[in-house]
Amino acid sequence: MEIQNLKPRSGSDTLRLGDSDELVVMENFGSLPKGEISLDSHGLIVICTEGIAQFDYDGQQIQLRKNDLYLYMAHSVVCNFMSSPDFNCRQIWFSRGELWNINMYGEVSLADLTYLKQHPKVHLSDEDVALLDDYFQLLCRRMRDQKPLLYSEIVRSLVSTMMLEMLCMMRRDKEQMAQPDFHEDNTPGFHRRQLADKFMRLVEQSDGRMRRVDDFASQLNITPKYLSTLLKETMSRRPSEMIKLFTLKAIERRLRYTDMTMQEIANDLNFPNASFFGKYVKEHLGMTPLEYRKKYLGGK
């Protein structure tokens, strides 16, 4: 069955920053199509406000109840969605570009990324719910009123602060879940997680300069097949997906925050030439490097 690419809907309860789908806030849940769905270019924050929903998220079953916070990472597949008649939720859709605009890339650590992929849901306390409700109401109010001179900056600042609050809640949940196990270092599962963590550190340290799964497997002294197996078990991801994620992060950082030429970036990231680099960016970001730089820096 073909995987459908889901996009933000329109409607009176859907608010956009400008006319694009880069940053979208939905006040009420809209029904999902049947089958397998994926968000190719967005992450998604969901806060369940009523009812129950259940679905499969990259092979793991997720159940949402009132006051659950759920984080969907781009390119993950959701299927077998079911919900109670009264199910409702609030949603914040954000593109990779908007994560740069609201400066969240610098706040999310590698440990956060790994943990959030494995544990995308957290139950909020009453105090958490009240706090996020205040943020959400203010965010919606400001997005409806586009008259302020610094409208975009105000909206992005509110979203950034709200995301930081959510990140704190998820980190707190992580600390509460962590239970010391003095025998854990003797278990096969613990060694697999160690290898997965080492792989992630190597990918981050390469900063986009190394992109072959075989090269990372060689540094870990394991086979590429075993690396794929252990990453699937520990993170429900393929090594190539994580390599691409950090490669694009490295590319976007150079395009947005340096004045390096395309040839200089291609050389720095070990692409054969500027033409090959341009094709890679076009394939994965949907625009050429110059188009990307113009889009995000043109108004600055």
C-alpha atoms as a PDB file:
ATOM      1  CA  MET A   1       0.000   0.000   0.000  1.00  0.00           C
ATOM      2  CA  GLU A   2       1.305   3.457  -0.905  1.00  0.00           C
ATOM      3  CA  ILE A   3       2.226   5.725   2.015  1.00  0.00           C
ATOM      4  CA  GLN A   4       0.231   8.964   1.883  1.00  0.00           C
ATOM      5  CA  ASN A   5       2.020  12.253   2.556  1.00  0.00           C
ATOM      6  CA  LEU A   6      -0.100  14.159   5.063  1.00  0.00           C
ATOM      7  CA  LYS A   7      -0.209  17.966   4.966  1.00  0.00           C
ATOM      8  CA  PRO A   8      -1.812  20.537   7.290  1.00  0.00           C
ATOM      9  CA  ARG A   9      -5.457  21.158   6.496  1.00  0.00           C
ATOM     10  CA  SER A  10      -7.212  24.504   6.130  1.00  0.00           C
ATOM     11  CA  GLY A  11     -10.127  25.873   8.129  1.00  0.00           C
ATOM     12  CA  SER A  12     -11.175  28.497  10.658  1.00  0.00           C
ATOM     13  CA  ASP A  13      -9.405  26.654  13.482  1.00  0.00           C
ATOM     14  CA  THR A  14      -6.141  26.296  11.534  1.00  0.00           C
ATOM     15  CA  LEU A  15      -3.653  29.155  11.840  1.00  0.00           C
ATOM     16  CA  ARG A  16      -0.636  29.698   9.597  1.00  0.00           C
ATOM     17  CA  LEU A  17       2.412  31.912   9.854  1.00  0.00           C
ATOM     18  CA  GLY A  18       2.049  33.684   6.518  1.00  0.00           C
ATOM     19  CA  ASP A  19       0.589  31.741   3.613  1.00  0.00           C
ATOM     20  CA  SER A  20       2.844  28.694   3.811  1.00  0.00           C
ATOM     21  CA  ASP A  21       2.761  25.388   5.681  1.00  0.00           C
ATOM     22  CA  GLU A  22       6.083  26.078   7.412  1.00  0.00           C
ATOM     23  CA  LEU A  23       4.444  26.732  10.813  1.00  0.00           C
ATOM     24  CA  VAL A  24       0.826  25.718  11.387  1.00  0.00           C
ATOM     25  CA  VAL A  25      -1.261  25.594  14.559  1.00  0.00           C
ATOM     26  CA  MET A  26      -4.509  23.584  14.743  1.00  0.00           C
ATOM     27  CA  GLU A  27      -6.898  24.084  17.635  1.00  0.00           C
ATOM     28  CA  ASN A  28      -9.001  20.990  16.923  1.00  0.00           C
ATOM     29  CA  PHE A  29      -8.360  17.501  15.576  1.00  0.00           C
ATOM     30  CA  GLY A  30      -9.151  16.678  11.971  1.00  0.00           C
ATOM     31  CA  SER A  31      -9.782  13.069  10.946  1.00  0.00           C
ATOM     32  CA  LEU A  32      -6.896  11.068   9.460  1.00  0.00           C
ATOM     33  CA  PRO A  33      -7.147   9.115   6.211  1.00  0.00           C
ATOM     34  CA  LYS A  34      -7.030   5.332   6.354  1.00  0.00           C
ATOM     35  CA  GLY A  35      -3.867   3.415   5.547  1.00  0.00           C
ATOM     36  CA  GLU A  36      -0.235   4.406   6.116  1.00  0.00           C
ATOM     37  CA  ILE A  37       0.560   8.098   6.378  1.00  0.00           C
ATOM     38  CA  SER A  38       3.755  10.086   6.766  1.00  0.00           C
ATOM     39  CA  LEU A  39       4.789  13.736   7.079  1.00  0.00           C
ATOM     40  CA  ASP A  40       7.719  14.107   4.716  1.00  0.00           C
ATOM     41  CA  SER A  41       8.710  17.638   5.665  1.00  0.00           C
ATOM     42  CA  HIS A  42       7.163  18.338   9.062  1.00  0.00           C
ATOM     43  CA  GLY A  43       7.476  17.459  12.699  1.00  0.00           C
ATOM     44  CA  LEU A  44       4.277  17.494  14.727  1.00  0.00           C
ATOM     45  CA  ILE A  45       3.451  18.196  18.370  1.00  0.00           C
ATOM     46  CA  VAL A  46       0.125  16.790  19.586  1.00  0.00           C
ATOM     47  CA  ILE A  47      -1.547  17.495  22.936  1.00  0.00           C
ATOM     48  CA  CYS A  48      -4.573  15.280  23.590  1.00  0.00           C
ATOM     49  CA  THR A  49      -7.409  17.286  25.177  1.00  0.00           C
ATOM     50  CA  GLU A  50     -10.232  14.718  25.129  1.00  0.00           C
ATOM     51  CA  GLY A  51     -10.892  11.030  24.426  1.00  0.00           C
ATOM     52  CA  ILE A  52      -8.532   8.261  23.347  1.00  0.00           C
ATOM     53  CA  ALA A  53      -6.581   7.480  20.170  1.00  0.00           C
ATOM     54  CA  GLN A  54      -4.408   4.514  19.228  1.00  0.00           C
ATOM     55  CA  PHE A  55      -2.051   4.008  16.287  1.00  0.00           C
ATOM     56  CA  ASP A  56       1.213   2.374  15.208  1.00  0.00           C
ATOM     57  CA  TYR A  57       4.199   4.724  14.992  1.00  0.00           C
ATOM     58  CA  ASP A  58       7.168   3.193  13.153  1.00  0.00           C
ATOM     59  CA  GLY A  59       6.184  -0.221  14.470  1.00  0.00           C
ATOM     60  CA  GLN A  60       5.465   0.719  18.090  1.00  0.00           C
ATOM     61  CA  GLN A  61       1.899   1.082  19.330  1.00  0.00           C
ATOM     62  CA  ILE A  62       1.012   4.479  20.784  1.00  0.00           C
ATOM     63  CA  GLN A  63      -2.094   5.234  22.827  1.00  0.00           C
ATOM     64  CA  LEU A  64      -3.026   8.843  23.544  1.00  0.00           C
ATOM     65  CA  ARG A  65      -5.282   9.903  26.395  1.00  0.00           C
ATOM     66  CA  LYS A  66      -6.267  13.264  27.809  1.00  0.00           C
ATOM     67  CA  ASN A  67      -3.206  15.352  28.806  1.00  0.00           C
ATOM     68  CA  ASP A  68      -0.755  13.213  26.806  1.00  0.00           C
ATOM     69  CA  LEU A  69       1.906  15.066  24.791  1.00  0.00           C
ATOM     70  CA  TYR A  70       3.144  13.295  21.651  1.00  0.00           C
ATOM     71  CA  LEU A  71       5.972  14.255  19.300  1.00  0.00           C
ATOM     72  CA  TYR A  72       5.980  13.002  15.708  1.00  0.00           C
ATOM     73  CA  MET A  73       9.329  13.125  13.883  1.00  0.00           C
ATOM     74  CA  ALA A  74       9.382  13.733  10.140  1.00  0.00           C
ATOM     75  CA  HIS A  75       9.406  10.698   7.816  1.00  0.00           C
ATOM     76  CA  SER A  76       8.025   8.329  10.457  1.00  0.00           C
ATOM     77  CA  VAL A  77       5.064   6.202   9.378  1.00  0.00           C
ATOM     78  CA  VAL A  78       1.728   6.118  11.205  1.00  0.00           C
ATOM     79  CA  CYS A  79      -0.920   3.486  10.487  1.00  0.00           C
ATOM     80  CA  ASN A  80      -3.865   1.623  12.038  1.00  0.00           C
ATOM     81  CA  PHE A  81      -5.261   4.827  13.527  1.00  0.00           C
ATOM     82  CA  MET A  82      -8.350   4.460  15.717  1.00  0.00           C
ATOM     83  CA  SER A  83      -9.998   6.959  18.052  1.00  0.00           C
ATOM     84  CA  SER A  84     -12.986   7.375  20.338  1.00  0.00           C
ATOM     85  CA  PRO A  85     -15.838   9.602  19.071  1.00  0.00           C
ATOM     86  CA  ASP A  86     -14.863  12.360  21.514  1.00  0.00           C
ATOM     87  CA  PHE A  87     -11.137  12.356  20.670  1.00  0.00           C
ATOM     88  CA  ASN A  88      -9.686  15.841  20.218  1.00  0.00           C
ATOM     89  CA  CYS A  89      -6.231  17.385  20.285  1.00  0.00           C
ATOM     90  CA  ARG A  90      -4.193  20.481  19.599  1.00  0.00           C
ATOM     91  CA  GLN A  91      -1.435  20.350  17.024  1.00  0.00           C
ATOM     92  CA  ILE A  92       1.646  22.371  16.082  1.00  0.00           C
ATOM     93  CA  TRP A  93       3.187  21.558  12.680  1.00  0.00           C
ATOM     94  CA  PHE A  94       6.714  22.781  11.971  1.00  0.00           C
ATOM     95  CA  SER A  95       9.090  22.360   9.059  1.00  0.00           C
ATOM     96  CA  ARG A  96      12.847  21.867   9.308  1.00  0.00           C
ATOM     97  CA  GLY A  97      13.318  25.472   8.183  1.00  0.00           C
ATOM     98  CA  GLU A  98      11.142  26.752  11.013  1.00  0.00           C
ATOM     99  CA  LEU A  99      13.222  24.834  13.552  1.00  0.00           C
ATOM    100  CA  TRP A 100      16.129  26.964  12.389  1.00  0.00           C
ATOM    101  CA  ASN A 101      14.022  30.136  12.491  1.00  0.00           C
ATOM    102  CA  ILE A 102      12.956  29.550  16.087  1.00  0.00           C
ATOM    103  CA  ASN A 103      16.486  28.417  17.021  1.00  0.00           C
ATOM    104  CA  MET A 104      15.538  24.988  18.391  1.00  0.00           C
ATOM    105  CA  TYR A 105      18.354  23.027  16.732  1.00  0.00           C
ATOM    106  CA  GLY A 106      20.826  24.362  19.267  1.00  0.00           C
ATOM    107  CA  GLU A 107      18.647  23.304  22.199  1.00  0.00           C
ATOM    108  CA  VAL A 108      17.907  19.681  21.252  1.00  0.00           C
ATOM    109  CA  SER A 109      20.829  17.425  22.118  1.00  0.00           C
ATOM    110  CA  LEU A 110      21.716  14.077  20.588  1.00  0.00           C
ATOM    111  CA  ALA A 111      20.485  12.408  23.774  1.00  0.00           C
ATOM    112  CA  ASP A 112      17.144  14.180  23.374  1.00  0.00           C
ATOM    113  CA  LEU A 113      16.833  13.046  19.767  1.00  0.00           C
ATOM    114  CA  THR A 114      17.508   9.420  20.633  1.00  0.00           C
ATOM    115  CA  TYR A 115      15.188   9.415  23.633  1.00  0.00           C
ATOM    116  CA  LEU A 116      12.322  11.224  21.885  1.00  0.00           C
ATOM    117  CA  LYS A 117      12.401   8.744  19.033  1.00  0.00           C
ATOM    118  CA  GLN A 118      12.122   5.835  21.469  1.00  0.00           C
ATOM    119  CA  HIS A 119       9.666   7.586  23.822  1.00  0.00           C
ATOM    120  CA  PRO A 120       7.599  10.063  21.773  1.00  0.00           C
ATOM    121  CA  LYS A 121       4.844  10.393  24.410  1.00  0.00           C
ATOM    122  CA  VAL A 122       4.769  11.932  27.880  1.00  0.00           C
ATOM    123  CA  HIS A 123       1.839  12.387  30.262  1.00  0.00           C
ATOM    124  CA  LEU A 124       1.508  15.960  31.481  1.00  0.00           C
ATOM    125  CA  SER A 125       0.765  16.981  35.040  1.00  0.00           C
ATOM    126  CA  ASP A 126      -2.116  19.365  35.781  1.00  0.00           C
ATOM    127  CA  GLU A 127       0.438  22.169  36.201  1.00  0.00           C
ATOM    128  CA  ASP A 128       2.011  21.302  32.824  1.00  0.00           C
ATOM    129  CA  VAL A 129      -1.393  21.350  31.135  1.00  0.00           C
ATOM    130  CA  ALA A 130      -2.307  24.715  32.634  1.00  0.00           C
ATOM    131  CA  LEU A 131       1.021  26.228  31.586  1.00  0.00           C
ATOM    132  CA  LEU A 132       0.870  24.944  28.003  1.00  0.00           C
ATOM    133  CA  ASP A 133      -2.773  26.007  27.745  1.00  0.00           C
ATOM    134  CA  ASP A 134      -1.751  29.583  28.599  1.00  0.00           C
ATOM    135  CA  TYR A 135       0.963  29.472  25.918  1.00  0.00           C
ATOM    136  CA  PHE A 136      -1.367  27.943  23.342  1.00  0.00           C
ATOM    137  CA  GLN A 137      -4.135  30.488  23.899  1.00  0.00           C
ATOM    138  CA  LEU A 138      -1.662  33.370  23.642  1.00  0.00           C
ATOM    139  CA  LEU A 139      -0.067  31.851  20.523  1.00  0.00           C
ATOM    140  CA  CYS A 140      -3.442  31.503  18.791  1.00  0.00           C
ATOM    141  CA  ARG A 141      -4.402  35.045  19.793  1.00  0.00           C
ATOM    142  CA  ARG A 142      -1.204  36.497  18.332  1.00  0.00           C
ATOM    143  CA  MET A 143      -1.443  34.431  15.134  1.00  0.00           C
ATOM    144  CA  ARG A 144      -4.954  35.770  14.505  1.00  0.00           C
ATOM    145  CA  ASP A 145      -3.755  39.346  14.835  1.00  0.00           C
ATOM    146  CA  GLN A 146      -1.173  39.955  12.131  1.00  0.00           C
ATOM    147  CA  LYS A 147      -1.032  43.728  12.604  1.00  0.00           C
ATOM    148  CA  PRO A 148       2.021  44.045  14.897  1.00  0.00           C
ATOM    149  CA  LEU A 149       5.144  45.191  13.083  1.00  0.00           C
ATOM    150  CA  LEU A 150       7.153  42.250  14.448  1.00  0.00           C
ATOM    151  CA  TYR A 151       4.346  39.705  13.985  1.00  0.00           C
ATOM    152  CA  SER A 152       6.521  36.846  12.664  1.00  0.00           C
ATOM    153  CA  GLU A 153       9.174  37.359  15.331  1.00  0.00           C
ATOM    154  CA  ILE A 154       6.553  37.422  18.106  1.00  0.00           C
ATOM    155  CA  VAL A 155       4.920  34.200  16.874  1.00  0.00           C
ATOM    156  CA  ARG A 156       8.246  32.385  16.513  1.00  0.00           C
ATOM    157  CA  SER A 157       9.342  33.551  19.953  1.00  0.00           C
ATOM    158  CA  LEU A 158       6.146  32.153  21.504  1.00  0.00           C
ATOM    159  CA  VAL A 159       6.532  28.827  19.679  1.00  0.00           C
ATOM    160  CA  SER A 160      10.200  28.610  20.671  1.00  0.00           C
ATOM    161  CA  THR A 161       9.415  29.257  24.347  1.00  0.00           C
ATOM    162  CA  MET A 162       6.545  26.772  24.301  1.00  0.00           C
ATOM    163  CA  MET A 163       8.800  24.110  22.741  1.00  0.00           C
ATOM    164  CA  LEU A 164      11.462  24.744  25.380  1.00  0.00           C
ATOM    165  CA  GLU A 165       8.850  24.196  28.087  1.00  0.00           C
ATOM    166  CA  MET A 166       7.819  20.913  26.410  1.00  0.00           C
ATOM    167  CA  LEU A 167      11.463  19.840  26.113  1.00  0.00           C
ATOM    168  CA  CYS A 168      11.914  20.451  29.846  1.00  0.00           C
ATOM    169  CA  MET A 169       8.841  18.307  30.556  1.00  0.00           C
ATOM    170  CA  MET A 170      10.191  15.483  28.379  1.00  0.00           C
ATOM    171  CA  ARG A 171      13.651  15.674  29.960  1.00  0.00           C
ATOM    172  CA  ARG A 172      12.064  15.555  33.414  1.00  0.00           C
ATOM    173  CA  ASP A 173      10.059  12.507  32.362  1.00  0.00           C
ATOM    174  CA  LYS A 174      13.266  10.897  31.085  1.00  0.00           C
ATOM    175  CA  GLU A 175      15.001  11.430  34.426  1.00  0.00           C
ATOM    176  CA  GLN A 176      12.041  10.001  36.341  1.00  0.00           C
ATOM    177  CA  MET A 177      11.958   6.914  34.119  1.00  0.00           C
ATOM    178  CA  ALA A 178      15.680   6.253  34.490  1.00  0.00           C
ATOM    179  CA  GLN A 179      16.185   3.536  37.098  1.00  0.00           C
ATOM    180  CA  PRO A 180      19.725   2.408  37.976  1.00  0.00           C
ATOM    181  CA  ASP A 181      20.359  -1.232  37.173  1.00  0.00           C
ATOM    182  CA  PHE A 182      23.694  -2.527  38.413  1.00  0.00           C
ATOM    183  CA  HIS A 183      23.405  -5.643  36.231  1.00  0.00           C
ATOM    184  CA  GLU A 184      22.395  -3.804  33.078  1.00  0.00           C
ATOM    185  CA  ASP A 185      25.945  -3.674  31.691  1.00  0.00           C
ATOM    186  CA  ASN A 186      25.897  -7.455  31.337  1.00  0.00           C
ATOM    187  CA  THR A 187      22.801  -7.594  29.140  1.00  0.00           C
ATOM    188  CA  PRO A 188      22.886  -7.841  25.318  1.00  0.00           C
ATOM    189  CA  GLY A 189      20.290  -5.069  25.089  1.00  0.00           C
ATOM    190  CA  PHE A 190      22.537  -2.686  26.996  1.00  0.00           C
ATOM    191  CA  HIS A 191      25.484  -3.382  24.667  1.00  0.00           C
ATOM    192  CA  ARG A 192      23.285  -2.796  21.615  1.00  0.00           C
ATOM    193  CA  ARG A 193      22.171   0.559  23.020  1.00  0.00           C
ATOM    194  CA  GLN A 194      25.803   1.428  23.701  1.00  0.00           C
ATOM    195  CA  LEU A 195      26.709   0.705  20.087  1.00  0.00           C
ATOM    196  CA  ALA A 196      23.734   2.733  18.845  1.00  0.00           C
ATOM    197  CA  ASP A 197      24.818   5.662  21.035  1.00  0.00           C
ATOM    198  CA  LYS A 198      28.386   5.418  19.704  1.00  0.00           C
ATOM    199  CA  PHE A 199      27.070   5.401  16.140  1.00  0.00           C
ATOM    200  CA  MET A 200      25.001   8.527  16.834  1.00  0.00           C
ATOM    201  CA  ARG A 201      27.994  10.302  18.359  1.00  0.00           C
ATOM    202  CA  LEU A 202      30.120   9.411  15.319  1.00  0.00           C
ATOM    203  CA  VAL A 203      27.446  10.734  12.963  1.00  0.00           C
ATOM    204  CA  GLU A 204      27.189  13.986  14.912  1.00  0.00           C
ATOM    205  CA  GLN A 205      30.962  14.377  15.087  1.00  0.00           C
ATOM    206  CA  SER A 206      31.349  13.821  11.339  1.00  0.00           C
ATOM    207  CA  ASP A 207      29.215  16.968  10.819  1.00  0.00           C
ATOM    208  CA  GLY A 208      28.024  15.809   7.421  1.00  0.00           C
ATOM    209  CA  ARG A 209      31.471  14.902   6.092  1.00  0.00           C
ATOM    210  CA  MET A 210      30.987  11.119   6.161  1.00  0.00           C
ATOM    211  CA  ARG A 211      27.848   9.597   4.641  1.00  0.00           C
ATOM    212  CA  ARG A 212      28.490   5.901   3.975  1.00  0.00           C
ATOM    213  CA  VAL A 213      26.977   3.382   6.400  1.00  0.00           C
ATOM    214  CA  ASP A 214      29.937   1.067   5.704  1.00  0.00           C
ATOM    215  CA  ASP A 215      32.405   3.674   7.014  1.00  0.00           C
ATOM    216  CA  PHE A 216      30.558   4.083  10.319  1.00  0.00           C
ATOM    217  CA  ALA A 217      30.198   0.314  10.725  1.00  0.00           C
ATOM    218  CA  SER A 218      33.948  -0.061  10.147  1.00  0.00           C
ATOM    219  CA  GLN A 219      34.703   2.456  12.912  1.00  0.00           C
ATOM    220  CA  LEU A 220      32.454   0.463  15.258  1.00  0.00           C
ATOM    221  CA  ASN A 221      34.071  -2.847  14.201  1.00  0.00           C
ATOM    222  CA  ILE A 222      30.730  -4.347  13.173  1.00  0.00           C
ATOM    223  CA  THR A 223      29.133  -5.188   9.840  1.00  0.00           C
ATOM    224  CA  PRO A 224      26.783  -2.737   8.086  1.00  0.00           C
ATOM    225  CA  LYS A 225      24.019  -5.343   8.348  1.00  0.00           C
ATOM    226  CA  TYR A 226      24.422  -5.609  12.113  1.00  0.00           C
ATOM    227  CA  LEU A 227      24.496  -1.818  12.433  1.00  0.00           C
ATOM    228  CA  SER A 228      21.185  -1.639  10.551  1.00  0.00           C
ATOM    229  CA  THR A 229      19.695  -4.345  12.777  1.00  0.00           C
ATOM    230  CA  LEU A 230      20.698  -2.776  16.092  1.00  0.00           C
ATOM    231  CA  LEU A 231      19.553   0.714  15.044  1.00  0.00           C
ATOM    232  CA  LYS A 232      16.212  -0.712  13.957  1.00  0.00           C
ATOM    233  CA  GLU A 233      15.876  -2.427  17.337  1.00  0.00           C
ATOM    234  CA  THR A 234      16.901   0.554  19.454  1.00  0.00           C
ATOM    235  CA  MET A 235      15.533   3.509  17.460  1.00  0.00           C
ATOM    236  CA  SER A 236      13.244   2.081  14.756  1.00  0.00           C
ATOM    237  CA  ARG A 237      15.430   3.885  12.217  1.00  0.00           C
ATOM    238  CA  ARG A 238      17.868   2.952   9.476  1.00  0.00           C
ATOM    239  CA  PRO A 239      21.478   4.209   9.766  1.00  0.00           C
ATOM    240  CA  SER A 240      21.112   5.994   6.424  1.00  0.00           C
ATOM    241  CA  GLU A 241      18.183   8.017   7.800  1.00  0.00           C
ATOM    242  CA  MET A 242      20.211   9.329  10.742  1.00  0.00           C
ATOM    243  CA  ILE A 243      23.197  10.056   8.492  1.00  0.00           C
ATOM    244  CA  LYS A 244      20.963  12.031   6.134  1.00  0.00           C
ATOM    245  CA  LEU A 245      19.386  13.924   9.050  1.00  0.00           C
ATOM    246  CA  PHE A 246      22.731  15.169  10.339  1.00  0.00           C
ATOM    247  CA  THR A 247      24.094  15.787   6.845  1.00  0.00           C
ATOM    248  CA  LEU A 248      21.159  18.075   6.055  1.00  0.00           C
ATOM    249  CA  LYS A 249      21.585  19.778   9.416  1.00  0.00           C
ATOM    250  CA  ALA A 250      25.246  20.462   8.549  1.00  0.00           C
ATOM    251  CA  ILE A 251      24.318  21.748   5.081  1.00  0.00           C
ATOM    252  CA  GLU A 252      21.575  24.041   6.365  1.00  0.00           C
ATOM    253  CA  ARG A 253      23.833  25.495   9.048  1.00  0.00           C
ATOM    254  CA  ARG A 254      26.446  26.436   6.424  1.00  0.00           C
ATOM    255  CA  LEU A 255      23.867  27.874   4.032  1.00  0.00           C
ATOM    256  CA  ARG A 256      22.172  29.935   6.712  1.00  0.00           C
ATOM    257  CA  TYR A 257      24.991  31.070   8.957  1.00  0.00           C
ATOM    258  CA  THR A 258      28.076  31.337   6.751  1.00  0.00           C
ATOM    259  CA  ASP A 259      28.983  33.130   3.543  1.00  0.00           C
ATOM    260  CA  MET A 260      30.714  30.032   2.135  1.00  0.00           C
ATOM    261  CA  THR A 261      30.276  29.491  -1.596  1.00  0.00           C
ATOM    262  CA  MET A 262      28.645  26.332  -2.919  1.00  0.00           C
ATOM    263  CA  GLN A 263      32.054  25.031  -3.962  1.00  0.00           C
ATOM    264  CA  GLU A 264      33.497  25.725  -0.504  1.00  0.00           C
ATOM    265  CA  ILE A 265      30.622  23.914   1.195  1.00  0.00           C
ATOM    266  CA  ALA A 266      30.945  20.998  -1.229  1.00  0.00           C
ATOM    267  CA  ASN A 267      34.668  20.759  -0.450  1.00  0.00           C
ATOM    268  CA  ASP A 268      34.125  21.070   3.298  1.00  0.00           C
ATOM    269  CA  LEU A 269      31.521  18.285   3.329  1.00  0.00           C
ATOM    270  CA  ASN A 270      33.488  15.993   1.006  1.00  0.00           C
ATOM    271  CA  PHE A 271      31.122  16.099  -1.968  1.00  0.00           C
ATOM    272  CA  PRO A 272      32.821  15.314  -5.322  1.00  0.00           C
ATOM    273  CA  ASN A 273      31.974  18.753  -6.705  1.00  0.00           C
ATOM    274  CA  ALA A 274      29.512  21.664  -6.422  1.00  0.00           C
ATOM    275  CA  SER A 275      27.195  20.110  -9.017  1.00  0.00           C
ATOM    276  CA  PHE A 276      26.850  16.861  -7.066  1.00  0.00           C
ATOM    277  CA  PHE A 277      26.303  18.895  -3.872  1.00  0.00           C
ATOM    278  CA  GLY A 278      23.554  20.899  -5.578  1.00  0.00           C
ATOM    279  CA  LYS A 279      21.754  17.746  -6.730  1.00  0.00           C
ATOM    280  CA  TYR A 280      21.915  16.295  -3.204  1.00  0.00           C
ATOM    281  CA  VAL A 281      20.388  19.434  -1.690  1.00  0.00           C
ATOM    282  CA  LYS A 282      17.716  19.619  -4.398  1.00  0.00           C
ATOM    283  CA  GLU A 283      16.748  15.977  -3.835  1.00  0.00           C
ATOM    284  CA  HIS A 284      16.475  16.216  -0.043  1.00  0.00           C
ATOM    285  CA  LEU A 285      15.425  19.821   0.600  1.00  0.00           C
ATOM    286  CA  GLY A 286      13.309  20.366  -2.507  1.00  0.00           C
ATOM    287  CA  MET A 287      15.290  23.381  -3.727  1.00  0.00           C
ATOM    288  CA  THR A 288      18.796  24.266  -4.878  1.00  0.00           C
ATOM    289  CA  PRO A 289      21.357  25.546  -2.354  1.00  0.00           C
ATOM    290  CA  LEU A 290      21.040  29.084  -3.729  1.00  0.00           C
ATOM    291  CA  GLU A 291      17.238  28.922  -3.581  1.00  0.00           C
ATOM    292  CA  TYR A 292      17.457  27.736   0.024  1.00  0.00           C
ATOM    293  CA  ARG A 293      19.855  30.523   0.976  1.00  0.00           C
ATOM    294  CA  LYS A 294      17.702  33.117  -0.768  1.00  0.00           C
ATOM    295  CA  LYS A 295      14.509  31.832   0.857  1.00  0.00           C
ATOM    296  CA  TYR A 296      15.814  31.971   4.414  1.00  0.00           C
ATOM    297  CA  LEU A 297      18.213  34.867   4.156  1.00  0.00           C
ATOM    298  CA  GLY A 298      16.535  37.053   1.547  1.00  0.00           C
ATOM    299  CA  GLY A 299      14.651  39.095   4.080  1.00  0.00           C
ATOM    300  CA  LYS A 300      17.543  39.526   6.489  1.00  0.00           C
END
